[in-house]
Amino acid sequence: MIRAMGFLTVAMMAASGARAQGIALVPVFGLPGAAQADAKQRVVFYDPQQIRQIGPDMAEFVIAHEEAHVRFGHAAPEGDVPADSTQIIADESAADCQAAAKMVTAGTGSIDAVIRFFERVVPLRPDDDHPTGDTRAAVIRSCAATARKRGRSA
């Protein structure tokens, strides 16, 4: 359903959900990634060009992931971060899990497409702040399965 609606619908749905949680969704061109969160200001900044390029499923996931950072109050790392920073990796995994659960619960987007994306980048770790693709895919798969089970038992 959401795939046919396109980017504008994804952005509008994300903005609506974010506003309901008191999170501002602000377009900013030239970000280093598709989106980033500022938990202190309760803002998710997103780059409209990059969001369009990653497609509707990944766009929905990325926005939900950044919203989760805001909801959890995750602070952005300052300065150099050691590659084995377990707290940062734990925060990223928690945001991935929350985003997966949100997509499954809402019934929008394809969480399977998100999992396939991360499986394709298995050995890659874009920076010291994120787990490898295979780790992220495993977390997302597990959290999506849990959300599906809860949905069936509700």
N, C-alpha and C. Protein backbone atom coordinates (compact mmCIF):
# COMPACT_ATOMS: atom_id res chain seq x y z
N MET A 1 0.82 -1.18 0.00
CA MET A 1 0.00 0.00 0.00
C MET A 1 0.87 1.25 0.00
N ILE A 2 1.79 1.36 0.94
CA ILE A 2 2.59 2.57 1.04
C ILE A 2 3.53 2.73 -0.15
N ARG A 3 3.97 1.61 -0.73
CA ARG A 3 4.87 1.67 -1.88
C ARG A 3 4.19 2.43 -3.03
N ALA A 4 2.93 2.18 -3.25
CA ALA A 4 2.21 2.83 -4.33
C ALA A 4 1.98 4.31 -4.04
N MET A 5 1.92 4.67 -2.79
CA MET A 5 1.63 6.06 -2.44
C MET A 5 2.84 6.97 -2.63
N GLY A 6 4.03 6.47 -2.44
CA GLY A 6 5.21 7.26 -2.72
C GLY A 6 5.76 8.03 -1.54
N PHE A 7 6.81 8.79 -1.85
CA PHE A 7 7.58 9.51 -0.84
C PHE A 7 6.74 10.51 -0.06
N LEU A 8 5.91 11.28 -0.75
CA LEU A 8 5.14 12.32 -0.07
C LEU A 8 4.27 11.72 1.02
N THR A 9 3.65 10.60 0.74
CA THR A 9 2.80 9.94 1.74
C THR A 9 3.63 9.45 2.91
N VAL A 10 4.80 8.88 2.63
CA VAL A 10 5.69 8.42 3.71
C VAL A 10 6.05 9.60 4.61
N ALA A 11 6.44 10.70 4.01
CA ALA A 11 6.83 11.87 4.79
C ALA A 11 5.66 12.41 5.60
N MET A 12 4.47 12.45 4.99
CA MET A 12 3.29 12.96 5.71
C MET A 12 2.92 12.05 6.87
N MET A 13 2.96 10.72 6.65
CA MET A 13 2.63 9.78 7.72
C MET A 13 3.65 9.88 8.85
N ALA A 14 4.92 9.97 8.49
CA ALA A 14 5.96 10.09 9.51
C ALA A 14 5.80 11.38 10.29
N ALA A 15 5.53 12.47 9.58
CA ALA A 15 5.36 13.76 10.25
C ALA A 15 4.17 13.72 11.19
N SER A 16 3.08 13.10 10.77
CA SER A 16 1.89 13.00 11.60
C SER A 16 2.18 12.21 12.87
N GLY A 17 2.83 11.07 12.72
CA GLY A 17 3.17 10.25 13.88
C GLY A 17 4.14 10.95 14.81
N ALA A 18 5.12 11.62 14.23
CA ALA A 18 6.12 12.33 15.03
C ALA A 18 5.46 13.47 15.80
N ARG A 19 4.59 14.24 15.12
CA ARG A 19 3.92 15.35 15.80
C ARG A 19 3.08 14.85 16.96
N ALA A 20 2.43 13.71 16.78
CA ALA A 20 1.60 13.16 17.85
C ALA A 20 2.44 12.83 19.08
N GLN A 21 3.72 12.60 18.88
CA GLN A 21 4.62 12.28 19.99
C GLN A 21 5.43 13.51 20.42
N GLY A 22 5.11 14.67 19.89
CA GLY A 22 5.84 15.88 20.24
C GLY A 22 7.22 15.94 19.62
N ILE A 23 7.40 15.27 18.49
CA ILE A 23 8.69 15.26 17.80
C ILE A 23 8.52 16.02 16.49
N ALA A 24 9.37 17.02 16.28
CA ALA A 24 9.33 17.78 15.03
C ALA A 24 10.12 17.03 13.96
N LEU A 25 9.60 17.04 12.75
CA LEU A 25 10.27 16.44 11.60
C LEU A 25 10.65 17.59 10.67
N VAL A 26 11.97 17.80 10.50
CA VAL A 26 12.45 18.99 9.80
C VAL A 26 13.32 18.60 8.61
N PRO A 27 12.94 19.06 7.39
CA PRO A 27 13.77 18.76 6.23
C PRO A 27 15.03 19.64 6.22
N VAL A 28 16.17 19.00 5.96
CA VAL A 28 17.46 19.71 5.87
C VAL A 28 18.26 19.03 4.77
N PHE A 29 18.63 19.79 3.76
CA PHE A 29 19.44 19.22 2.68
C PHE A 29 20.89 19.17 3.09
N GLY A 30 21.59 18.11 2.65
CA GLY A 30 23.03 18.02 2.88
C GLY A 30 23.43 17.33 4.18
N LEU A 31 22.54 16.58 4.80
CA LEU A 31 22.92 15.84 6.00
C LEU A 31 23.92 14.74 5.62
N PRO A 32 24.74 14.29 6.57
CA PRO A 32 25.67 13.20 6.26
C PRO A 32 24.98 11.86 6.02
N GLY A 33 23.76 11.72 6.48
CA GLY A 33 22.95 10.52 6.26
C GLY A 33 21.54 10.95 5.91
N ALA A 34 20.65 9.98 5.72
CA ALA A 34 19.28 10.29 5.33
C ALA A 34 18.53 11.06 6.43
N ALA A 35 18.86 10.79 7.69
CA ALA A 35 18.18 11.46 8.80
C ALA A 35 19.05 11.37 10.05
N GLN A 36 18.78 12.27 10.98
CA GLN A 36 19.46 12.21 12.28
C GLN A 36 18.56 12.85 13.33
N ALA A 37 18.73 12.37 14.54
CA ALA A 37 17.87 12.81 15.64
C ALA A 37 18.61 13.76 16.57
N ASP A 38 17.85 14.65 17.17
CA ASP A 38 18.35 15.49 18.26
C ASP A 38 17.35 15.30 19.40
N ALA A 39 17.69 14.39 20.31
CA ALA A 39 16.77 14.04 21.38
C ALA A 39 16.49 15.21 22.31
N LYS A 40 17.50 16.06 22.55
CA LYS A 40 17.30 17.20 23.44
C LYS A 40 16.26 18.17 22.90
N GLN A 41 16.31 18.41 21.60
CA GLN A 41 15.36 19.34 20.98
C GLN A 41 14.09 18.65 20.50
N ARG A 42 14.04 17.30 20.60
CA ARG A 42 12.91 16.49 20.14
C ARG A 42 12.64 16.76 18.66
N VAL A 43 13.71 16.62 17.86
CA VAL A 43 13.65 16.88 16.44
C VAL A 43 14.29 15.72 15.67
N VAL A 44 13.68 15.36 14.55
CA VAL A 44 14.31 14.47 13.58
C VAL A 44 14.53 15.30 12.33
N PHE A 45 15.79 15.45 11.95
CA PHE A 45 16.14 16.13 10.71
C PHE A 45 16.25 15.07 9.62
N TYR A 46 15.73 15.36 8.44
CA TYR A 46 15.86 14.41 7.34
C TYR A 46 16.22 15.16 6.06
N ASP A 47 16.96 14.49 5.21
CA ASP A 47 17.36 15.05 3.93
C ASP A 47 16.39 14.52 2.88
N PRO A 48 15.52 15.37 2.33
CA PRO A 48 14.50 14.90 1.38
C PRO A 48 15.09 14.17 0.17
N GLN A 49 16.23 14.60 -0.32
CA GLN A 49 16.84 13.94 -1.47
C GLN A 49 17.27 12.52 -1.12
N GLN A 50 17.93 12.37 0.01
CA GLN A 50 18.39 11.03 0.41
C GLN A 50 17.21 10.13 0.76
N ILE A 51 16.20 10.69 1.39
CA ILE A 51 15.00 9.91 1.74
C ILE A 51 14.34 9.38 0.46
N ARG A 52 14.25 10.23 -0.58
CA ARG A 52 13.68 9.80 -1.85
C ARG A 52 14.52 8.68 -2.47
N GLN A 53 15.83 8.80 -2.37
CA GLN A 53 16.73 7.83 -2.99
C GLN A 53 16.65 6.45 -2.34
N ILE A 54 16.40 6.38 -1.05
CA ILE A 54 16.39 5.07 -0.38
C ILE A 54 15.06 4.34 -0.53
N GLY A 55 14.05 5.02 -1.02
CA GLY A 55 12.76 4.38 -1.27
C GLY A 55 11.85 4.40 -0.05
N PRO A 56 10.57 4.12 -0.27
CA PRO A 56 9.57 4.29 0.79
C PRO A 56 9.74 3.37 2.00
N ASP A 57 10.14 2.12 1.79
CA ASP A 57 10.27 1.19 2.93
C ASP A 57 11.42 1.62 3.84
N MET A 58 12.58 1.88 3.23
CA MET A 58 13.73 2.31 4.03
C MET A 58 13.49 3.70 4.62
N ALA A 59 12.80 4.57 3.87
CA ALA A 59 12.51 5.91 4.39
C ALA A 59 11.66 5.81 5.65
N GLU A 60 10.64 4.98 5.60
CA GLU A 60 9.78 4.81 6.77
C GLU A 60 10.58 4.27 7.95
N PHE A 61 11.44 3.28 7.67
CA PHE A 61 12.25 2.69 8.73
C PHE A 61 13.22 3.72 9.32
N VAL A 62 13.90 4.46 8.46
CA VAL A 62 14.90 5.44 8.93
C VAL A 62 14.25 6.51 9.80
N ILE A 63 13.11 7.03 9.37
CA ILE A 63 12.42 8.05 10.18
C ILE A 63 11.98 7.45 11.51
N ALA A 64 11.41 6.25 11.48
CA ALA A 64 10.96 5.60 12.73
C ALA A 64 12.16 5.32 13.65
N HIS A 65 13.29 4.94 13.06
CA HIS A 65 14.52 4.68 13.83
C HIS A 65 14.97 5.96 14.55
N GLU A 66 14.99 7.06 13.82
CA GLU A 66 15.42 8.33 14.42
C GLU A 66 14.41 8.82 15.46
N GLU A 67 13.12 8.63 15.20
CA GLU A 67 12.10 8.97 16.20
C GLU A 67 12.33 8.18 17.48
N ALA A 68 12.72 6.92 17.34
CA ALA A 68 12.98 6.09 18.52
C ALA A 68 14.13 6.67 19.34
N HIS A 69 15.17 7.14 18.67
CA HIS A 69 16.27 7.78 19.41
C HIS A 69 15.75 8.96 20.25
N VAL A 70 14.85 9.74 19.66
CA VAL A 70 14.30 10.88 20.39
C VAL A 70 13.47 10.39 21.58
N ARG A 71 12.57 9.43 21.34
CA ARG A 71 11.72 8.92 22.42
C ARG A 71 12.53 8.33 23.57
N PHE A 72 13.61 7.62 23.22
CA PHE A 72 14.46 7.00 24.24
C PHE A 72 15.43 7.99 24.88
N GLY A 73 15.54 9.19 24.32
CA GLY A 73 16.46 10.19 24.87
C GLY A 73 17.92 9.87 24.61
N HIS A 74 18.19 9.15 23.53
CA HIS A 74 19.58 8.81 23.20
C HIS A 74 20.35 10.07 22.81
N ALA A 75 21.47 10.26 23.43
CA ALA A 75 22.32 11.41 23.13
C ALA A 75 23.24 11.07 21.97
N ALA A 76 23.41 12.01 21.06
CA ALA A 76 24.35 11.80 19.96
C ALA A 76 25.76 11.80 20.53
N PRO A 77 26.61 10.91 20.02
CA PRO A 77 27.99 10.88 20.50
C PRO A 77 28.72 12.16 20.14
N GLU A 78 29.58 12.59 21.02
CA GLU A 78 30.37 13.80 20.77
C GLU A 78 31.83 13.41 20.63
N GLY A 79 32.47 13.95 19.61
CA GLY A 79 33.88 13.67 19.40
C GLY A 79 34.09 12.26 18.86
N ASP A 80 35.30 11.75 19.03
CA ASP A 80 35.63 10.42 18.55
C ASP A 80 35.01 9.37 19.47
N VAL A 81 34.43 8.37 18.85
CA VAL A 81 33.77 7.30 19.59
C VAL A 81 34.53 6.00 19.31
N PRO A 82 34.93 5.29 20.36
CA PRO A 82 35.63 4.02 20.12
C PRO A 82 34.74 3.02 19.39
N ALA A 83 35.35 2.22 18.52
CA ALA A 83 34.60 1.26 17.70
C ALA A 83 33.84 0.25 18.54
N ASP A 84 34.28 0.00 19.75
CA ASP A 84 33.61 -1.00 20.58
C ASP A 84 32.67 -0.36 21.61
N SER A 85 32.18 0.80 21.31
CA SER A 85 31.31 1.50 22.23
C SER A 85 29.98 0.76 22.37
N THR A 86 29.88 -0.05 23.40
CA THR A 86 28.71 -0.92 23.56
C THR A 86 27.42 -0.14 23.80
N GLN A 87 27.49 1.00 24.47
CA GLN A 87 26.27 1.78 24.72
C GLN A 87 25.70 2.33 23.42
N ILE A 88 26.56 2.81 22.56
CA ILE A 88 26.09 3.35 21.29
C ILE A 88 25.48 2.24 20.44
N ILE A 89 26.13 1.09 20.40
CA ILE A 89 25.60 -0.04 19.64
C ILE A 89 24.26 -0.49 20.24
N ALA A 90 24.17 -0.50 21.56
CA ALA A 90 22.91 -0.88 22.22
C ALA A 90 21.80 0.12 21.87
N ASP A 91 22.13 1.41 21.86
CA ASP A 91 21.15 2.43 21.50
C ASP A 91 20.66 2.24 20.06
N GLU A 92 21.59 1.96 19.16
CA GLU A 92 21.23 1.75 17.75
C GLU A 92 20.34 0.52 17.60
N SER A 93 20.67 -0.54 18.31
CA SER A 93 19.85 -1.76 18.24
C SER A 93 18.46 -1.51 18.81
N ALA A 94 18.37 -0.75 19.90
CA ALA A 94 17.06 -0.42 20.48
C ALA A 94 16.23 0.40 19.50
N ALA A 95 16.86 1.34 18.82
CA ALA A 95 16.14 2.17 17.83
C ALA A 95 15.70 1.31 16.64
N ASP A 96 16.57 0.39 16.19
CA ASP A 96 16.19 -0.53 15.11
C ASP A 96 14.98 -1.37 15.52
N CYS A 97 15.01 -1.87 16.74
CA CYS A 97 13.93 -2.73 17.23
C CYS A 97 12.61 -1.95 17.30
N GLN A 98 12.67 -0.76 17.84
CA GLN A 98 11.47 0.06 17.95
C GLN A 98 10.91 0.40 16.57
N ALA A 99 11.79 0.73 15.62
CA ALA A 99 11.34 1.06 14.27
C ALA A 99 10.69 -0.14 13.60
N ALA A 100 11.28 -1.32 13.77
CA ALA A 100 10.71 -2.54 13.20
C ALA A 100 9.33 -2.81 13.79
N ALA A 101 9.22 -2.71 15.10
CA ALA A 101 7.93 -2.94 15.76
C ALA A 101 6.88 -1.94 15.29
N LYS A 102 7.29 -0.69 15.11
CA LYS A 102 6.35 0.33 14.65
C LYS A 102 5.84 0.01 13.26
N MET A 103 6.74 -0.39 12.35
CA MET A 103 6.31 -0.71 10.99
C MET A 103 5.38 -1.92 10.96
N VAL A 104 5.71 -2.95 11.74
CA VAL A 104 4.87 -4.15 11.76
C VAL A 104 3.51 -3.84 12.37
N THR A 105 3.50 -3.12 13.48
CA THR A 105 2.25 -2.79 14.17
C THR A 105 1.35 -1.91 13.30
N ALA A 106 1.96 -0.95 12.61
CA ALA A 106 1.19 -0.04 11.76
C ALA A 106 0.74 -0.72 10.47
N GLY A 107 1.43 -1.79 10.10
CA GLY A 107 1.09 -2.49 8.87
C GLY A 107 1.47 -1.71 7.62
N THR A 108 2.44 -0.83 7.76
CA THR A 108 2.88 -0.02 6.62
C THR A 108 4.29 -0.43 6.21
N GLY A 109 4.61 -0.22 4.97
CA GLY A 109 5.95 -0.54 4.51
C GLY A 109 6.24 -2.02 4.58
N SER A 110 7.39 -2.39 4.09
CA SER A 110 7.80 -3.79 4.09
C SER A 110 9.02 -3.96 4.97
N ILE A 111 8.81 -4.52 6.14
CA ILE A 111 9.94 -4.77 7.04
C ILE A 111 10.88 -5.79 6.41
N ASP A 112 10.34 -6.68 5.58
CA ASP A 112 11.19 -7.65 4.89
C ASP A 112 12.15 -6.96 3.92
N ALA A 113 11.71 -5.89 3.27
CA ALA A 113 12.59 -5.12 2.39
C ALA A 113 13.71 -4.47 3.21
N VAL A 114 13.39 -4.01 4.40
CA VAL A 114 14.40 -3.40 5.28
C VAL A 114 15.42 -4.46 5.69
N ILE A 115 14.95 -5.63 6.05
CA ILE A 115 15.85 -6.73 6.44
C ILE A 115 16.76 -7.09 5.27
N ARG A 116 16.18 -7.22 4.08
CA ARG A 116 17.00 -7.54 2.89
C ARG A 116 18.06 -6.47 2.64
N PHE A 117 17.69 -5.21 2.85
CA PHE A 117 18.67 -4.13 2.67
C PHE A 117 19.88 -4.35 3.58
N PHE A 118 19.61 -4.59 4.85
CA PHE A 118 20.72 -4.76 5.80
C PHE A 118 21.49 -6.05 5.56
N GLU A 119 20.81 -7.08 5.08
CA GLU A 119 21.53 -8.33 4.74
C GLU A 119 22.50 -8.12 3.58
N ARG A 120 22.15 -7.23 2.66
CA ARG A 120 23.04 -6.94 1.52
C ARG A 120 24.30 -6.20 1.96
N VAL A 121 24.23 -5.48 3.06
CA VAL A 121 25.40 -4.73 3.52
C VAL A 121 26.05 -5.42 4.72
N VAL A 122 25.95 -6.77 4.75
CA VAL A 122 26.42 -7.58 5.88
C VAL A 122 27.78 -7.16 6.42
N PRO A 123 28.83 -7.14 5.60
CA PRO A 123 30.14 -6.87 6.18
C PRO A 123 30.37 -5.39 6.45
N LEU A 124 29.48 -4.55 5.99
CA LEU A 124 29.72 -3.12 6.08
C LEU A 124 29.22 -2.54 7.40
N ARG A 125 30.00 -1.66 7.89
CA ARG A 125 29.66 -0.90 9.08
C ARG A 125 29.92 0.55 8.71
N PRO A 126 28.88 1.34 8.49
CA PRO A 126 29.07 2.67 7.94
C PRO A 126 29.91 3.60 8.81
N ASP A 127 29.91 3.32 10.09
CA ASP A 127 30.68 4.15 11.02
C ASP A 127 30.77 3.41 12.36
N ASP A 128 31.44 4.00 13.29
CA ASP A 128 31.60 3.35 14.60
C ASP A 128 30.33 3.40 15.45
N ASP A 129 29.32 4.13 14.97
CA ASP A 129 28.10 4.30 15.75
C ASP A 129 27.02 3.28 15.42
N HIS A 130 27.25 2.43 14.41
CA HIS A 130 26.21 1.49 13.99
C HIS A 130 26.77 0.08 13.88
N PRO A 131 25.95 -0.91 14.23
CA PRO A 131 26.38 -2.31 14.06
C PRO A 131 26.50 -2.67 12.57
N THR A 132 27.05 -3.84 12.31
CA THR A 132 27.14 -4.33 10.93
C THR A 132 25.75 -4.64 10.40
N GLY A 133 25.66 -4.76 9.08
CA GLY A 133 24.38 -5.05 8.45
C GLY A 133 23.76 -6.34 8.92
N ASP A 134 24.57 -7.40 9.09
CA ASP A 134 23.99 -8.68 9.52
C ASP A 134 23.46 -8.60 10.95
N THR A 135 24.14 -7.85 11.80
CA THR A 135 23.66 -7.67 13.18
C THR A 135 22.34 -6.89 13.17
N ARG A 136 22.28 -5.84 12.38
CA ARG A 136 21.06 -5.04 12.31
C ARG A 136 19.91 -5.87 11.74
N ALA A 137 20.18 -6.66 10.69
CA ALA A 137 19.13 -7.50 10.10
C ALA A 137 18.58 -8.48 11.14
N ALA A 138 19.47 -9.07 11.93
CA ALA A 138 19.04 -10.04 12.95
C ALA A 138 18.16 -9.37 14.01
N VAL A 139 18.55 -8.19 14.46
CA VAL A 139 17.76 -7.45 15.46
C VAL A 139 16.39 -7.10 14.89
N ILE A 140 16.37 -6.58 13.68
CA ILE A 140 15.12 -6.17 13.05
C ILE A 140 14.20 -7.38 12.85
N ARG A 141 14.76 -8.49 12.37
CA ARG A 141 13.97 -9.71 12.16
C ARG A 141 13.35 -10.18 13.48
N SER A 142 14.15 -10.22 14.53
CA SER A 142 13.66 -10.67 15.83
C SER A 142 12.56 -9.76 16.38
N CYS A 143 12.77 -8.47 16.30
CA CYS A 143 11.79 -7.52 16.82
C CYS A 143 10.50 -7.53 15.99
N ALA A 144 10.65 -7.70 14.68
CA ALA A 144 9.45 -7.78 13.82
C ALA A 144 8.65 -9.02 14.17
N ALA A 145 9.33 -10.14 14.39
CA ALA A 145 8.65 -11.39 14.76
C ALA A 145 7.91 -11.23 16.08
N THR A 146 8.52 -10.59 17.04
CA THR A 146 7.88 -10.36 18.33
C THR A 146 6.65 -9.46 18.17
N ALA A 147 6.77 -8.42 17.36
CA ALA A 147 5.63 -7.51 17.13
C ALA A 147 4.49 -8.24 16.43
N ARG A 148 4.83 -9.14 15.49
CA ARG A 148 3.78 -9.91 14.80
C ARG A 148 3.06 -10.83 15.79
N LYS A 149 3.82 -11.47 16.68
CA LYS A 149 3.20 -12.36 17.68
C LYS A 149 2.28 -11.57 18.60
N ARG A 150 2.72 -10.41 19.03
CA ARG A 150 1.87 -9.58 19.91
C ARG A 150 0.61 -9.17 19.19
N GLY A 151 0.73 -8.86 17.89
CA GLY A 151 -0.43 -8.46 17.11
C GLY A 151 -1.46 -9.57 16.97
N ARG A 152 -0.98 -10.80 16.85
CA ARG A 152 -1.90 -11.94 16.73
C ARG A 152 -2.55 -12.30 18.06
N SER A 153 -1.87 -12.01 19.15
CA SER A 153 -2.41 -12.38 20.46
C SER A 153 -3.28 -11.27 21.06
N ALA A 154 -3.29 -10.12 20.42
CA ALA A 154 -4.06 -8.98 20.98
C ALA A 154 -5.53 -9.10 20.67
